[in-house]
N, C-alpha and C. Protein backbone atom coordinates (compact mmCIF):
# COMPACT_ATOMS: atom_id res chain seq x y z
N MET A 1 -3.05 -9.53 2.81
CA MET A 1 -3.15 -10.46 1.71
C MET A 1 -3.83 -11.76 2.16
N ALA A 2 -3.54 -12.17 3.38
CA ALA A 2 -4.12 -13.42 3.86
C ALA A 2 -5.64 -13.31 3.99
N ALA A 3 -6.11 -12.16 4.45
CA ALA A 3 -7.56 -11.98 4.58
C ALA A 3 -8.23 -11.99 3.21
N GLY A 4 -7.62 -11.35 2.23
CA GLY A 4 -8.16 -11.37 0.87
C GLY A 4 -8.19 -12.77 0.30
N ALA A 5 -7.13 -13.53 0.52
CA ALA A 5 -7.08 -14.92 0.03
C ALA A 5 -8.14 -15.78 0.72
N TYR A 6 -8.34 -15.55 2.01
CA TYR A 6 -9.36 -16.30 2.74
C TYR A 6 -10.75 -16.05 2.16
N PHE A 7 -11.09 -14.77 1.95
CA PHE A 7 -12.40 -14.45 1.39
C PHE A 7 -12.56 -15.00 -0.02
N LEU A 8 -11.48 -14.99 -0.79
CA LEU A 8 -11.52 -15.52 -2.14
C LEU A 8 -11.75 -17.02 -2.13
N LEU A 9 -11.04 -17.74 -1.28
CA LEU A 9 -11.18 -19.19 -1.22
C LEU A 9 -12.53 -19.63 -0.66
N LYS A 10 -13.07 -18.87 0.28
CA LYS A 10 -14.36 -19.21 0.88
C LYS A 10 -15.54 -18.73 0.03
N GLY A 11 -15.27 -17.96 -1.00
CA GLY A 11 -16.34 -17.47 -1.87
C GLY A 11 -17.17 -16.36 -1.24
N GLN A 12 -16.60 -15.63 -0.32
CA GLN A 12 -17.30 -14.53 0.33
C GLN A 12 -17.00 -13.25 -0.45
N TRP A 13 -17.73 -13.07 -1.54
CA TRP A 13 -17.44 -12.00 -2.50
C TRP A 13 -17.70 -10.62 -1.93
N LYS A 14 -18.75 -10.48 -1.12
CA LYS A 14 -19.04 -9.18 -0.51
C LYS A 14 -17.93 -8.77 0.44
N ASN A 15 -17.50 -9.71 1.26
CA ASN A 15 -16.41 -9.42 2.19
C ASN A 15 -15.11 -9.13 1.45
N LEU A 16 -14.87 -9.84 0.35
CA LEU A 16 -13.68 -9.60 -0.45
C LEU A 16 -13.70 -8.20 -1.05
N ALA A 17 -14.84 -7.80 -1.58
CA ALA A 17 -14.97 -6.46 -2.15
C ALA A 17 -14.77 -5.39 -1.08
N PHE A 18 -15.36 -5.60 0.09
CA PHE A 18 -15.19 -4.64 1.19
C PHE A 18 -13.72 -4.57 1.61
N PHE A 19 -13.07 -5.72 1.69
CA PHE A 19 -11.66 -5.76 2.07
C PHE A 19 -10.81 -4.99 1.06
N VAL A 20 -11.04 -5.21 -0.23
CA VAL A 20 -10.25 -4.53 -1.26
C VAL A 20 -10.49 -3.02 -1.20
N LEU A 21 -11.73 -2.59 -1.04
CA LEU A 21 -12.02 -1.16 -0.95
C LEU A 21 -11.41 -0.53 0.30
N ALA A 22 -11.52 -1.22 1.42
CA ALA A 22 -10.96 -0.69 2.66
C ALA A 22 -9.44 -0.62 2.58
N PHE A 23 -8.81 -1.66 2.04
CA PHE A 23 -7.36 -1.66 1.91
C PHE A 23 -6.91 -0.55 0.97
N GLY A 24 -7.61 -0.38 -0.16
CA GLY A 24 -7.26 0.68 -1.09
C GLY A 24 -7.40 2.06 -0.48
N THR A 25 -8.45 2.27 0.30
CA THR A 25 -8.67 3.56 0.94
C THR A 25 -7.56 3.86 1.95
N VAL A 26 -7.23 2.89 2.77
CA VAL A 26 -6.18 3.09 3.78
C VAL A 26 -4.83 3.29 3.10
N PHE A 27 -4.56 2.54 2.05
CA PHE A 27 -3.28 2.65 1.34
C PHE A 27 -3.13 4.03 0.69
N ILE A 28 -4.19 4.51 0.04
CA ILE A 28 -4.14 5.82 -0.60
C ILE A 28 -3.99 6.93 0.45
N ALA A 29 -4.70 6.80 1.57
CA ALA A 29 -4.58 7.79 2.65
C ALA A 29 -3.16 7.79 3.21
N PHE A 30 -2.60 6.61 3.41
CA PHE A 30 -1.24 6.51 3.92
C PHE A 30 -0.24 7.15 2.96
N GLN A 31 -0.37 6.87 1.68
CA GLN A 31 0.54 7.45 0.70
C GLN A 31 0.39 8.97 0.65
N GLY A 32 -0.83 9.46 0.75
CA GLY A 32 -1.06 10.90 0.73
C GLY A 32 -0.45 11.60 1.94
N ILE A 33 -0.63 11.02 3.12
CA ILE A 33 -0.06 11.60 4.34
C ILE A 33 1.45 11.53 4.29
N LYS A 34 1.98 10.41 3.82
CA LYS A 34 3.43 10.27 3.72
C LYS A 34 4.01 11.30 2.75
N TYR A 35 3.33 11.52 1.64
CA TYR A 35 3.80 12.52 0.68
C TYR A 35 3.71 13.93 1.25
N ALA A 36 2.64 14.20 2.00
CA ALA A 36 2.46 15.54 2.58
C ALA A 36 3.53 15.84 3.64
N LEU A 37 3.89 14.84 4.43
CA LEU A 37 4.87 15.06 5.48
C LEU A 37 6.31 15.03 4.97
N TRP A 38 6.58 14.10 4.08
CA TRP A 38 7.93 13.94 3.53
C TRP A 38 7.83 14.02 2.02
N SER A 39 7.74 15.25 1.50
CA SER A 39 7.49 15.42 0.08
C SER A 39 8.70 15.10 -0.79
N GLU A 40 9.84 14.81 -0.19
CA GLU A 40 11.00 14.48 -0.99
C GLU A 40 10.82 13.10 -1.60
N GLY A 41 10.89 13.04 -2.91
CA GLY A 41 10.73 11.76 -3.59
C GLY A 41 12.07 11.08 -3.79
N GLY A 42 12.03 9.95 -4.39
CA GLY A 42 13.25 9.22 -4.68
C GLY A 42 13.56 8.17 -3.63
N LEU A 43 14.51 7.34 -3.96
CA LEU A 43 14.92 6.29 -3.06
C LEU A 43 16.03 6.79 -2.15
N GLN A 44 16.20 6.14 -1.02
CA GLN A 44 17.22 6.56 -0.07
C GLN A 44 18.61 6.53 -0.67
N PHE A 45 18.91 5.51 -1.44
CA PHE A 45 20.25 5.35 -1.95
C PHE A 45 20.50 6.15 -3.23
N SER A 46 19.51 6.89 -3.71
CA SER A 46 19.70 7.64 -4.95
C SER A 46 20.64 8.83 -4.79
N ASN A 47 20.82 9.32 -3.56
CA ASN A 47 21.70 10.47 -3.32
C ASN A 47 23.11 10.06 -2.90
N GLN A 48 23.39 8.79 -2.83
CA GLN A 48 24.69 8.34 -2.38
C GLN A 48 25.69 8.35 -3.53
N GLU A 49 26.93 8.57 -3.17
CA GLU A 49 28.03 8.56 -4.14
C GLU A 49 28.39 7.11 -4.47
N PRO A 50 28.76 6.83 -5.69
CA PRO A 50 29.18 5.46 -6.01
C PRO A 50 30.53 5.15 -5.35
N ALA A 51 30.68 3.92 -4.93
CA ALA A 51 31.92 3.50 -4.27
C ALA A 51 32.90 3.00 -5.33
N CYS A 52 33.84 3.87 -5.72
CA CYS A 52 34.83 3.49 -6.73
C CYS A 52 36.21 3.58 -6.18
């Protein structure tokens, strides 16, 4: 986020666009690999019993 803010404040639009595309690509790849390895969805605490 800091790199994106820096490029935005300095007016370096090409670098900002490259940063957004690179971040999006890495994020999508990470999510895809994470889903492929651990295909179980949901939150960790969703399977816990309520404490009553």
